[in-house]
Amino acid sequence: MLLRRVLFSFLSIVAVSGAAFAASRKAAPLLVMYVFPQNAALTAGQVDAHSMTRINYAFANIEGGRVVTGFSHDAENFAFLTALRKENPELKVLVSVGGWLWSCNFSDAALTKESRARFIDSAAEFIAQNQLDGLDIDWEYPARRGAGYSKDCHQNPGGSDFRPEDTQNFTALLGELRARFDVESKKNGRRLLLTLAAGASPAWLEHTEMNKVARAVDTVNLMAYDYYEPGSEPTTGHHAALYTNPNDPKKESGDASVRAFEKAGVPADKLVLGVPFYGHAWGDVPATANGLYQPGKPAPNVYAQFGAIQSSMIGHGYTRFWDPVAKVPYLYNAETRTFVSYEDPESLKGKCAYVHEKKLAGMMVWDLESDDAEGTLLKALNACLRDGQK
């Protein structure tokens, strides 16, 4: 009897310890990285298998209602990325479908039960063929016009890039994808992931049913950037503010978006806070408030990768300023009247602390190629998010 009690106590301790260990592993923040090589082949040393937990390969396209490759080196790039799992068995590799230019065929693909089945069959085949771990849906945007009929988007003849019924069809598509992935997961003995790239604006929530969508997806990658874009707004502003500055005319920020998504029914542990490895630049900006929330026009290098900001702006006529409320930096060049909103290691550290505090699922990055040659931003993220430094 005594031996059995001792044995029972030992097994109980082991079970509790195992559960605690599993819980701690589950609670480890995700670091989701979008990789966007386009028509280039990935090469050794370009992607560090240990510096991220998920890779979202951008992008697959949609043609004839089916998921298809988008670029010339996709097959070999998938092989390159999935081989990284030998170095890091916990690494997951997903394909992201759509994006800004290739979302116009989503509406047709989601329109009917039959069209959704065609899309889902092709997605399952695509994942199996390339030995991937899941699918990331990047529909920009359900029930709203995105890039529209871009020359880079192969629109189906007679189709439509958006419809009012996209709202319900979007929910149905994700629910049916989840059901199919659950079947495939049981067959293969490994869970297929289904994730979503979501716009961070109120308009996204107005045109989707996120309380229902959240049940189908593993995580929601919240694109908490591009709140201000040159040419889209008449003034400058923080394109990835963490908190809302009272002087911000639009009153938008990552925190505001997180709160709105939670209110819409997305649990915190499914929200992944997106951060940009790039900045936006405005020209003809007056010096008032060092250019912040001032009139401006798109600068010649309007999309500024962090690598370019480090090498050709900081220390080259640009002064760095810090917004203590929004918790993000910005640059102003008084001579050229240029304003730049961007992300840096200090702002990333604050966002890491926010993710820990709010118990979010983790952080997402667009995109790996925008970091500098030393990987400054990715190293900063690993230090503050995954290594537990706040």
Protein backbone atom coordinates (compact mmCIF):
# COMPACT_ATOMS: atom_id res chain seq x y z
CA MET A 1 0.00 0.00 0.00
CA LEU A 2 2.81 2.41 0.94
CA LEU A 3 4.65 1.62 -2.28
CA ARG A 4 1.54 2.32 -4.33
CA ARG A 5 1.04 5.68 -2.56
CA VAL A 6 4.65 6.66 -3.18
CA LEU A 7 4.35 5.61 -6.80
CA PHE A 8 1.06 7.52 -7.19
CA SER A 9 2.62 10.66 -5.68
CA PHE A 10 5.61 10.38 -7.99
CA LEU A 11 3.43 9.97 -11.08
CA SER A 12 1.27 12.91 -9.98
CA ILE A 13 4.34 15.12 -9.64
CA VAL A 14 5.57 14.02 -13.06
CA ALA A 15 2.15 14.70 -14.60
CA VAL A 16 1.90 18.15 -13.05
CA SER A 17 5.47 18.99 -14.03
CA GLY A 18 4.81 17.77 -17.56
CA ALA A 19 1.64 19.84 -17.79
CA ALA A 20 3.45 22.91 -16.47
CA PHE A 21 6.25 22.36 -18.98
CA ALA A 22 3.77 21.96 -21.82
CA ALA A 23 1.94 25.10 -20.70
CA SER A 24 5.16 27.09 -20.60
CA ARG A 25 6.03 25.88 -24.09
CA LYS A 26 2.58 26.80 -25.33
CA ALA A 27 2.87 30.23 -23.77
CA ALA A 28 6.18 31.02 -25.46
CA PRO A 29 5.55 34.00 -27.77
CA LEU A 30 5.50 33.34 -31.50
CA LEU A 31 7.82 35.16 -33.86
CA VAL A 32 6.19 35.00 -37.29
CA MET A 33 8.34 36.17 -40.19
CA TYR A 34 7.09 36.96 -43.68
CA VAL A 35 9.70 35.99 -46.27
CA PHE A 36 9.20 37.67 -49.65
CA PRO A 37 12.00 36.79 -52.08
CA GLN A 38 9.76 37.30 -55.15
CA ASN A 39 11.62 35.92 -58.19
CA ALA A 40 14.90 35.34 -56.33
CA ALA A 41 16.13 32.00 -55.01
CA LEU A 42 16.87 31.88 -51.28
CA THR A 43 20.48 31.11 -50.41
CA ALA A 44 22.37 29.63 -47.47
CA GLY A 45 22.60 32.00 -44.52
CA GLN A 46 19.73 34.18 -45.67
CA VAL A 47 17.23 32.73 -43.17
CA ASP A 48 18.25 31.76 -39.62
CA ALA A 49 16.19 28.73 -38.61
CA HIS A 50 16.54 29.52 -34.91
CA SER A 51 15.54 33.20 -35.04
CA MET A 52 11.82 32.65 -35.71
CA THR A 53 9.06 30.18 -34.90
CA ARG A 54 7.04 30.49 -38.12
CA ILE A 55 7.85 31.47 -41.67
CA ASN A 56 5.04 32.79 -43.86
CA TYR A 57 6.24 32.53 -47.45
CA ALA A 58 4.75 35.32 -49.57
CA PHE A 59 2.90 34.82 -51.84
CA ALA A 60 0.95 32.13 -53.60
CA ASN A 61 -1.55 33.35 -56.17
CA ILE A 62 -5.12 32.29 -57.07
CA GLU A 63 -5.92 31.30 -60.64
CA GLY A 64 -9.11 29.59 -61.74
CA GLY A 65 -10.12 29.47 -58.10
CA ARG A 66 -7.08 27.38 -57.18
CA VAL A 67 -3.94 28.09 -55.16
CA VAL A 68 -0.93 28.29 -57.50
CA THR A 69 2.69 29.35 -57.24
CA GLY A 70 3.34 33.02 -57.77
CA PHE A 71 7.04 33.30 -58.57
CA SER A 72 9.67 31.49 -60.59
CA HIS A 73 11.70 30.00 -57.71
CA ASP A 74 8.85 29.04 -55.38
CA ALA A 75 9.36 25.27 -55.56
CA GLU A 76 13.06 25.43 -54.69
CA ASN A 77 12.43 28.09 -52.05
CA PHE A 78 9.87 25.85 -50.35
CA ALA A 79 12.44 23.03 -50.36
CA PHE A 80 15.04 25.40 -48.91
CA LEU A 81 12.75 26.59 -46.12
CA THR A 82 11.34 23.20 -45.14
CA ALA A 83 14.90 21.85 -44.94
CA LEU A 84 15.50 24.37 -42.14
CA ARG A 85 13.29 22.20 -39.92
CA LYS A 86 16.26 19.82 -39.66
CA GLU A 87 18.10 22.60 -37.79
CA ASN A 88 15.02 23.65 -35.82
CA PRO A 89 12.33 20.93 -35.62
CA GLU A 90 9.88 23.39 -34.04
CA LEU A 91 10.01 25.75 -37.02
CA LYS A 92 6.78 25.90 -39.05
CA VAL A 93 6.66 26.90 -42.72
CA LEU A 94 3.40 28.21 -44.16
CA VAL A 95 2.47 29.67 -47.51
CA SER A 96 0.62 32.97 -47.54
CA VAL A 97 -1.99 33.33 -50.27
CA GLY A 98 -3.00 36.66 -51.78
CA GLY A 99 -1.41 39.83 -50.51
CA TRP A 100 -2.09 43.34 -51.75
CA LEU A 101 -1.74 42.59 -55.47
CA TRP A 102 -3.10 39.05 -55.63
CA SER A 103 -6.25 39.24 -53.52
CA CYS A 104 -8.70 40.16 -56.26
CA ASN A 105 -9.63 36.53 -57.01
CA PHE A 106 -10.56 35.68 -53.41
CA SER A 107 -14.13 36.90 -53.84
CA ASP A 108 -14.76 34.49 -56.71
CA ALA A 109 -13.00 31.63 -54.89
CA ALA A 110 -15.15 32.10 -51.76
CA LEU A 111 -18.43 32.76 -53.56
CA THR A 112 -20.12 29.32 -53.43
CA LYS A 113 -19.79 25.98 -51.67
CA GLU A 114 -18.39 24.53 -54.90
CA SER A 115 -15.86 27.32 -55.47
CA ARG A 116 -14.70 27.10 -51.86
CA ALA A 117 -14.26 23.33 -52.20
CA ARG A 118 -12.11 23.88 -55.31
CA PHE A 119 -9.93 26.39 -53.46
CA ILE A 120 -9.65 24.16 -50.37
CA ASP A 121 -8.77 21.06 -52.39
CA SER A 122 -6.02 22.98 -54.16
CA ALA A 123 -4.72 24.39 -50.86
CA ALA A 124 -4.49 20.91 -49.34
CA GLU A 125 -2.71 19.63 -52.45
CA PHE A 126 -0.34 22.61 -52.47
CA ILE A 127 0.59 22.09 -48.82
CA ALA A 128 1.14 18.35 -49.27
CA GLN A 129 3.16 18.76 -52.46
CA ASN A 130 5.51 21.27 -50.86
CA GLN A 131 5.57 19.62 -47.40
CA LEU A 132 4.35 22.76 -45.67
CA ASP A 133 2.85 23.19 -42.21
CA GLY A 134 -0.18 25.23 -43.15
CA LEU A 135 -1.80 28.17 -44.89
CA ASP A 136 -1.94 31.90 -44.20
CA ILE A 137 -4.89 33.72 -45.78
CA ASP A 138 -4.00 37.29 -46.76
CA TRP A 139 -7.21 38.62 -48.36
CA GLU A 140 -6.94 42.38 -48.83
CA TYR A 141 -9.87 42.89 -48.30
CA PRO A 142 -13.19 41.03 -47.86
CA ALA A 143 -16.16 43.12 -49.05
CA ARG A 144 -13.87 46.05 -49.90
CA ARG A 145 -11.73 47.03 -52.86
CA GLY A 146 -8.03 46.44 -52.41
CA ALA A 147 -5.56 46.74 -55.27
CA GLY A 148 -8.49 46.03 -57.59
CA TYR A 149 -7.86 44.93 -61.14
CA SER A 150 -4.11 45.22 -61.00
CA LYS A 151 -2.15 44.13 -64.06
CA ASP A 152 -0.32 41.78 -61.69
CA CYS A 153 -3.55 40.08 -60.62
CA HIS A 154 -4.90 37.56 -63.12
CA GLN A 155 -8.60 38.34 -62.80
CA ASN A 156 -11.06 35.68 -63.86
CA PRO A 157 -13.11 36.83 -66.87
CA GLY A 158 -16.44 38.12 -65.65
CA GLY A 159 -15.37 37.87 -62.01
CA SER A 160 -15.44 40.46 -59.27
CA ASP A 161 -12.69 41.54 -56.89
CA PHE A 162 -15.14 42.19 -54.02
CA ARG A 163 -18.81 41.74 -53.12
CA PRO A 164 -20.96 42.63 -50.08
CA GLU A 165 -21.47 38.90 -49.43
CA ASP A 166 -17.70 38.46 -48.99
CA THR A 167 -18.30 39.02 -45.29
CA GLN A 168 -20.20 35.77 -44.82
CA ASN A 169 -18.25 33.92 -47.53
CA PHE A 170 -15.00 34.80 -45.77
CA THR A 171 -16.30 33.19 -42.58
CA ALA A 172 -17.47 30.13 -44.52
CA LEU A 173 -14.15 29.76 -46.35
CA LEU A 174 -12.12 29.77 -43.14
CA GLY A 175 -14.52 27.43 -41.35
CA GLU A 176 -14.44 24.93 -44.22
CA LEU A 177 -10.65 25.21 -44.46
CA ARG A 178 -10.40 24.43 -40.73
CA ALA A 179 -12.64 21.38 -41.11
CA ARG A 180 -10.56 20.06 -44.03
CA PHE A 181 -7.29 20.76 -42.25
CA ASP A 182 -8.53 18.85 -39.20
CA VAL A 183 -9.19 15.83 -41.41
CA GLU A 184 -5.76 16.12 -43.04
CA SER A 185 -4.13 16.54 -39.63
CA LYS A 186 -5.62 13.27 -38.39
CA LYS A 187 -4.40 11.50 -41.52
CA ASN A 188 -0.86 12.83 -41.25
CA GLY A 189 -0.49 12.90 -37.48
CA ARG A 190 0.51 16.59 -37.41
CA ARG A 191 -1.66 19.66 -37.08
CA LEU A 192 -1.96 21.87 -40.13
CA LEU A 193 -1.97 25.53 -39.17
CA LEU A 194 -4.50 28.02 -40.51
CA THR A 195 -3.65 31.68 -39.92
CA LEU A 196 -4.94 35.01 -41.10
CA ALA A 197 -3.36 38.34 -42.00
CA ALA A 198 -5.87 40.96 -40.87
CA GLY A 199 -6.06 44.66 -41.60
CA ALA A 200 -5.80 46.69 -38.39
CA SER A 201 -8.34 49.35 -39.33
CA PRO A 202 -11.94 49.65 -38.11
CA ALA A 203 -13.07 49.00 -41.71
CA TRP A 204 -11.70 45.44 -41.47
CA LEU A 205 -13.88 44.72 -38.45
CA GLU A 206 -16.92 46.33 -40.07
CA HIS A 207 -16.70 43.94 -43.03
CA THR A 208 -15.82 40.68 -41.25
CA GLU A 209 -17.25 38.42 -38.54
CA MET A 210 -14.14 38.11 -36.42
CA ASN A 211 -15.93 36.42 -33.51
CA LYS A 212 -16.70 33.51 -35.86
CA VAL A 213 -13.46 33.69 -37.84
CA ALA A 214 -11.42 33.49 -34.63
CA ARG A 215 -12.79 30.01 -33.92
CA ALA A 216 -11.45 28.68 -37.21
CA VAL A 217 -7.92 30.10 -37.22
CA ASP A 218 -4.91 29.35 -35.05
CA THR A 219 -3.77 32.96 -34.98
CA VAL A 220 -4.65 36.37 -36.42
CA ASN A 221 -1.60 38.26 -37.71
CA LEU A 222 -2.64 41.84 -37.05
CA MET A 223 -1.09 44.19 -39.61
CA ALA A 224 -0.54 47.00 -37.10
CA TYR A 225 1.31 49.23 -39.55
CA ASP A 226 0.57 51.49 -42.53
CA TYR A 227 -1.76 53.55 -40.33
CA TYR A 228 -0.24 56.48 -42.22
CA GLU A 229 0.96 56.09 -45.81
CA PRO A 230 2.32 58.84 -48.08
CA GLY A 231 -0.28 59.62 -50.71
CA SER A 232 -3.13 58.01 -48.79
CA GLU A 233 -3.40 60.74 -46.15
CA PRO A 234 -2.78 64.49 -46.51
CA THR A 235 -0.51 64.59 -43.45
CA THR A 236 2.44 62.74 -42.00
CA GLY A 237 2.03 60.42 -39.03
CA HIS A 238 3.32 57.33 -37.27
CA HIS A 239 2.73 54.36 -39.53
CA ALA A 240 3.15 51.86 -36.68
CA ALA A 241 2.42 53.66 -33.40
CA LEU A 242 2.07 51.41 -30.37
CA TYR A 243 -0.17 53.83 -28.45
CA THR A 244 -2.41 56.61 -29.74
CA ASN A 245 -0.97 60.11 -29.57
CA PRO A 246 -3.77 62.58 -28.63
CA ASN A 247 -2.59 64.82 -31.48
CA ASP A 248 -3.10 62.04 -34.03
CA PRO A 249 -5.98 63.09 -36.32
CA LYS A 250 -6.82 59.44 -37.09
CA LYS A 251 -6.50 58.21 -33.49
CA GLU A 252 -5.05 54.85 -34.59
CA SER A 253 -2.38 52.64 -33.04
CA GLY A 254 -1.44 49.03 -32.37
CA ASP A 255 -2.99 49.19 -28.91
CA ALA A 256 -6.24 50.62 -30.29
CA SER A 257 -6.38 47.85 -32.89
CA VAL A 258 -5.69 45.09 -30.35
CA ARG A 259 -8.45 46.39 -28.11
CA ALA A 260 -10.86 46.61 -31.04
CA PHE A 261 -10.12 43.04 -32.15
CA GLU A 262 -10.56 41.74 -28.62
CA LYS A 263 -13.88 43.56 -28.39
CA ALA A 264 -14.87 41.96 -31.72
CA GLY A 265 -14.32 38.51 -30.25
CA VAL A 266 -10.69 37.60 -30.96
CA PRO A 267 -9.01 36.26 -27.81
CA ALA A 268 -5.67 37.77 -26.85
CA ASP A 269 -3.89 34.43 -27.14
CA LYS A 270 -4.77 34.30 -30.85
CA LEU A 271 -3.60 37.83 -31.66
CA VAL A 272 -0.14 38.32 -33.16
CA LEU A 273 1.01 41.94 -33.20
CA GLY A 274 2.49 42.88 -36.57
CA VAL A 275 5.52 45.16 -36.83
CA PRO A 276 7.24 46.64 -39.91
CA PHE A 277 10.89 46.34 -40.81
CA TYR A 278 10.42 49.33 -43.13
CA GLY A 279 9.42 52.97 -42.95
CA HIS A 280 7.48 55.56 -44.95
CA ALA A 281 8.91 58.86 -46.18
CA TRP A 282 7.14 62.16 -46.92
CA GLY A 283 8.59 65.20 -48.70
CA ASP A 284 7.73 68.92 -48.66
CA VAL A 285 7.01 68.68 -44.94
CA PRO A 286 7.22 71.89 -42.85
CA ALA A 287 9.47 71.90 -39.79
CA THR A 288 6.61 72.48 -37.32
CA ALA A 289 6.70 69.74 -34.62
CA ASN A 290 9.70 68.31 -36.49
CA GLY A 291 7.36 67.28 -39.28
CA LEU A 292 4.95 65.17 -37.21
CA TYR A 293 1.27 65.45 -38.26
CA GLN A 294 2.13 68.03 -40.89
CA PRO A 295 1.16 68.28 -44.58
CA GLY A 296 3.37 66.25 -46.88
CA LYS A 297 3.70 64.42 -50.18
CA PRO A 298 5.27 61.06 -51.05
CA ALA A 299 9.06 61.34 -51.06
CA PRO A 300 11.13 59.74 -53.87
CA ASN A 301 12.08 56.80 -51.64
CA VAL A 302 8.62 56.54 -50.12
CA TYR A 303 9.03 52.90 -48.99
CA ALA A 304 12.21 52.92 -46.94
CA GLN A 305 13.63 49.60 -45.78
CA PHE A 306 15.34 49.70 -42.40
CA GLY A 307 18.63 48.81 -44.05
CA ALA A 308 18.43 51.95 -46.19
CA ILE A 309 17.36 54.06 -43.22
CA GLN A 310 20.41 52.87 -41.27
CA SER A 311 22.89 53.34 -44.10
CA SER A 312 21.75 56.51 -45.82
CA MET A 313 19.49 58.51 -43.49
CA ILE A 314 20.53 58.25 -39.84
CA GLY A 315 23.67 60.37 -39.48
CA HIS A 316 23.22 61.80 -42.98
CA GLY A 317 21.21 64.93 -42.38
CA TYR A 318 18.32 63.26 -40.58
CA THR A 319 17.63 63.87 -36.89
CA ARG A 320 15.97 61.13 -34.85
CA PHE A 321 13.07 62.05 -32.58
CA TRP A 322 11.10 59.94 -30.12
CA ASP A 323 7.37 60.16 -29.41
CA PRO A 324 7.06 59.25 -25.70
CA VAL A 325 3.31 58.68 -26.02
CA ALA A 326 3.15 56.63 -29.24
CA LYS A 327 6.42 54.89 -28.26
CA VAL A 328 7.94 55.07 -31.75
CA PRO A 329 10.75 57.02 -33.42
CA TYR A 330 10.70 59.29 -36.46
CA LEU A 331 13.22 61.22 -38.52
CA TYR A 332 13.23 64.73 -39.92
CA ASN A 333 15.63 66.33 -42.37
CA ALA A 334 15.24 70.11 -42.16
CA GLU A 335 17.28 70.75 -45.30
CA THR A 336 15.29 68.42 -47.57
CA ARG A 337 12.05 68.81 -45.57
CA THR A 338 11.70 65.03 -45.39
CA PHE A 339 9.84 63.15 -42.65
CA VAL A 340 10.27 59.39 -42.04
CA SER A 341 8.17 57.11 -39.84
CA TYR A 342 9.85 53.81 -39.02
CA GLU A 343 10.56 51.07 -36.46
CA ASP A 344 13.82 50.61 -34.52
CA PRO A 345 15.16 48.44 -31.67
CA GLU A 346 13.84 50.80 -28.98
CA SER A 347 10.28 50.74 -30.31
CA LEU A 348 10.44 46.96 -30.80
CA LYS A 349 11.43 46.53 -27.16
CA GLY A 350 8.34 48.48 -26.10
CA LYS A 351 6.14 46.35 -28.32
CA CYS A 352 7.66 43.17 -26.91
CA ALA A 353 6.79 44.38 -23.41
CA TYR A 354 3.26 45.11 -24.61
CA VAL A 355 2.87 41.58 -26.03
CA HIS A 356 4.03 40.08 -22.73
CA GLU A 357 1.79 42.38 -20.70
CA LYS A 358 -1.32 41.73 -22.79
CA LYS A 359 -0.53 38.01 -23.12
CA LEU A 360 -0.78 38.12 -26.89
CA ALA A 361 0.28 35.14 -28.99
CA GLY A 362 3.42 36.87 -30.23
CA MET A 363 4.71 39.17 -32.96
CA MET A 364 4.74 39.13 -36.74
CA VAL A 365 7.13 40.90 -39.10
CA TRP A 366 6.81 42.25 -42.61
CA ASP A 367 9.38 41.41 -43.86
CA LEU A 368 12.76 39.69 -43.45
CA GLU A 369 14.28 41.32 -46.53
CA SER A 370 13.78 44.84 -45.13
CA ASP A 371 16.17 44.41 -42.18
CA ASP A 372 19.75 45.65 -42.47
CA ALA A 373 22.69 43.40 -43.34
CA GLU A 374 23.47 42.81 -39.65
CA GLY A 375 19.91 41.72 -38.87
CA THR A 376 19.60 44.49 -36.28
CA LEU A 377 15.82 44.40 -35.92
CA LEU A 378 15.51 40.62 -35.89
CA LYS A 379 18.20 40.39 -33.20
CA ALA A 380 16.35 43.02 -31.17
CA LEU A 381 13.12 41.04 -31.44
CA ASN A 382 14.77 37.83 -30.33
CA ALA A 383 16.36 39.58 -27.37
CA CYS A 384 13.16 41.17 -26.08
CA LEU A 385 10.50 38.68 -27.14
CA ARG A 386 11.87 35.17 -27.22
CA ASP A 387 14.70 35.46 -24.70
CA GLY A 388 12.37 37.01 -22.14
CA GLN A 389 14.04 40.42 -21.87
CA LYS A 390 11.51 43.19 -21.48
